[in-house]
């Protein structure tokens, strides 16, 4: 397992219609490092975004898509997605405030 610092765990937020609707339930979706664990993800969210308290983390591994260029087949890189549920009294994440 890689030695990940908290600022290396979260790569970028996932902005879709479905994830925007989940924000009303205090659920936020991020692409995370493929070797990050749930506890590392929870720690990274609490450290990066002040005032947040994580209630639970759900993760999913996404395999790369098969792509073709001419006769050559290949795959895009794997991704890992995390859905972070914040606690009731927790502050909202400010990254999504302007959207």
Protein backbone atom coordinates (compact mmCIF):
# COMPACT_ATOMS: atom_id res chain seq x y z
CA UNK A 1 0.00 0.00 0.00
CA UNK A 2 1.28 3.44 -0.87
CA UNK A 3 2.17 5.97 1.82
CA UNK A 4 -0.54 8.54 1.08
CA UNK A 5 -0.76 11.95 2.69
CA UNK A 6 -4.22 13.42 3.25
CA UNK A 7 -3.78 15.95 0.43
CA UNK A 8 -2.98 13.14 -2.06
CA UNK A 9 -6.14 11.13 -1.35
CA UNK A 10 -8.86 13.32 -2.91
CA UNK A 11 -8.26 13.98 -6.60
CA UNK A 12 -11.34 15.96 -7.70
CA UNK A 13 -15.07 16.25 -7.06
CA UNK A 14 -17.60 14.52 -9.29
CA UNK A 15 -20.04 17.08 -10.72
CA UNK A 16 -23.12 15.44 -12.23
CA UNK A 17 -26.85 15.94 -11.93
CA UNK A 18 -27.18 12.99 -9.58
CA UNK A 19 -24.37 14.13 -7.26
CA UNK A 20 -25.76 17.66 -7.13
CA UNK A 21 -29.12 16.26 -5.96
CA UNK A 22 -27.38 14.18 -3.27
CA UNK A 23 -25.86 17.31 -1.74
CA UNK A 24 -29.21 18.13 -0.11
CA UNK A 25 -28.71 14.90 1.89
CA UNK A 26 -25.12 15.98 2.78
CA UNK A 27 -23.59 13.38 0.45
CA UNK A 28 -20.56 14.48 -1.58
CA UNK A 29 -18.85 12.47 -4.32
CA UNK A 30 -15.12 12.55 -5.10
CA UNK A 31 -12.64 10.73 -7.30
CA UNK A 32 -9.97 9.41 -4.93
CA UNK A 33 -6.60 7.67 -5.18
CA UNK A 34 -7.04 4.03 -6.20
CA UNK A 35 -5.18 2.73 -3.13
CA UNK A 36 -6.94 4.96 -0.56
CA UNK A 37 -8.94 3.28 2.20
CA UNK A 38 -12.22 4.49 3.70
CA UNK A 39 -10.50 5.74 6.87
CA UNK A 40 -7.94 7.67 4.81
CA UNK A 41 -10.73 9.26 2.77
CA UNK A 42 -12.65 10.28 5.89
CA UNK A 43 -9.51 11.77 7.44
CA UNK A 44 -8.68 13.68 4.25
CA UNK A 45 -12.16 15.23 4.02
CA UNK A 46 -12.09 16.33 7.66
CA UNK A 47 -8.62 17.88 7.28
CA UNK A 48 -9.16 19.56 3.90
CA UNK A 49 -12.58 21.04 4.64
CA UNK A 50 -12.76 22.76 8.03
CA UNK A 51 -15.80 22.09 10.18
CA UNK A 52 -16.80 18.85 8.48
CA UNK A 53 -17.46 15.61 10.34
CA UNK A 54 -17.74 12.43 8.28
CA UNK A 55 -20.47 9.95 9.23
CA UNK A 56 -19.72 7.28 6.60
CA UNK A 57 -17.80 6.61 3.38
CA UNK A 58 -18.89 4.35 0.51
CA UNK A 59 -16.34 3.51 -2.19
CA UNK A 60 -16.50 1.90 -5.61
CA UNK A 61 -13.78 0.78 -7.99
CA UNK A 62 -14.37 1.70 -11.63
CA UNK A 63 -12.55 -0.34 -14.26
CA UNK A 64 -11.11 1.40 -17.29
CA UNK A 65 -13.17 1.54 -20.45
CA UNK A 66 -12.07 -0.40 -23.52
CA UNK A 67 -11.10 1.99 -26.30
CA UNK A 68 -10.09 1.33 -29.87
CA UNK A 69 -7.88 3.28 -32.24
CA UNK A 70 -7.80 1.55 -35.59
CA UNK A 71 -6.99 -2.12 -35.01
CA UNK A 72 -5.41 -1.56 -31.59
CA UNK A 73 -7.44 -2.08 -28.41
CA UNK A 74 -6.53 -0.61 -25.06
CA UNK A 75 -8.03 0.41 -21.75
CA UNK A 76 -8.28 3.75 -19.98
CA UNK A 77 -6.96 3.96 -16.44
CA UNK A 78 -8.91 2.69 -13.43
CA UNK A 79 -10.66 5.10 -11.08
CA UNK A 80 -12.02 4.94 -7.56
CA UNK A 81 -15.04 6.95 -6.49
CA UNK A 82 -16.07 7.76 -2.92
CA UNK A 83 -19.41 9.00 -1.63
CA UNK A 84 -18.92 10.79 1.68
CA UNK A 85 -21.88 11.21 4.04
CA UNK A 86 -21.42 14.11 6.47
CA UNK A 87 -22.84 14.09 10.01
CA UNK A 88 -25.94 16.09 10.95
CA UNK A 89 -24.24 19.03 12.67
CA UNK A 90 -21.39 19.18 10.18
CA UNK A 91 -20.63 22.21 8.02
CA UNK A 92 -21.19 21.96 4.27
CA UNK A 93 -18.24 21.63 1.90
CA UNK A 94 -17.51 25.04 0.37
CA UNK A 95 -16.17 23.70 -2.96
CA UNK A 96 -19.74 23.11 -4.08
CA UNK A 97 -21.16 26.41 -2.78
CA UNK A 98 -21.03 28.29 -6.09
CA UNK A 99 -22.56 25.55 -8.23
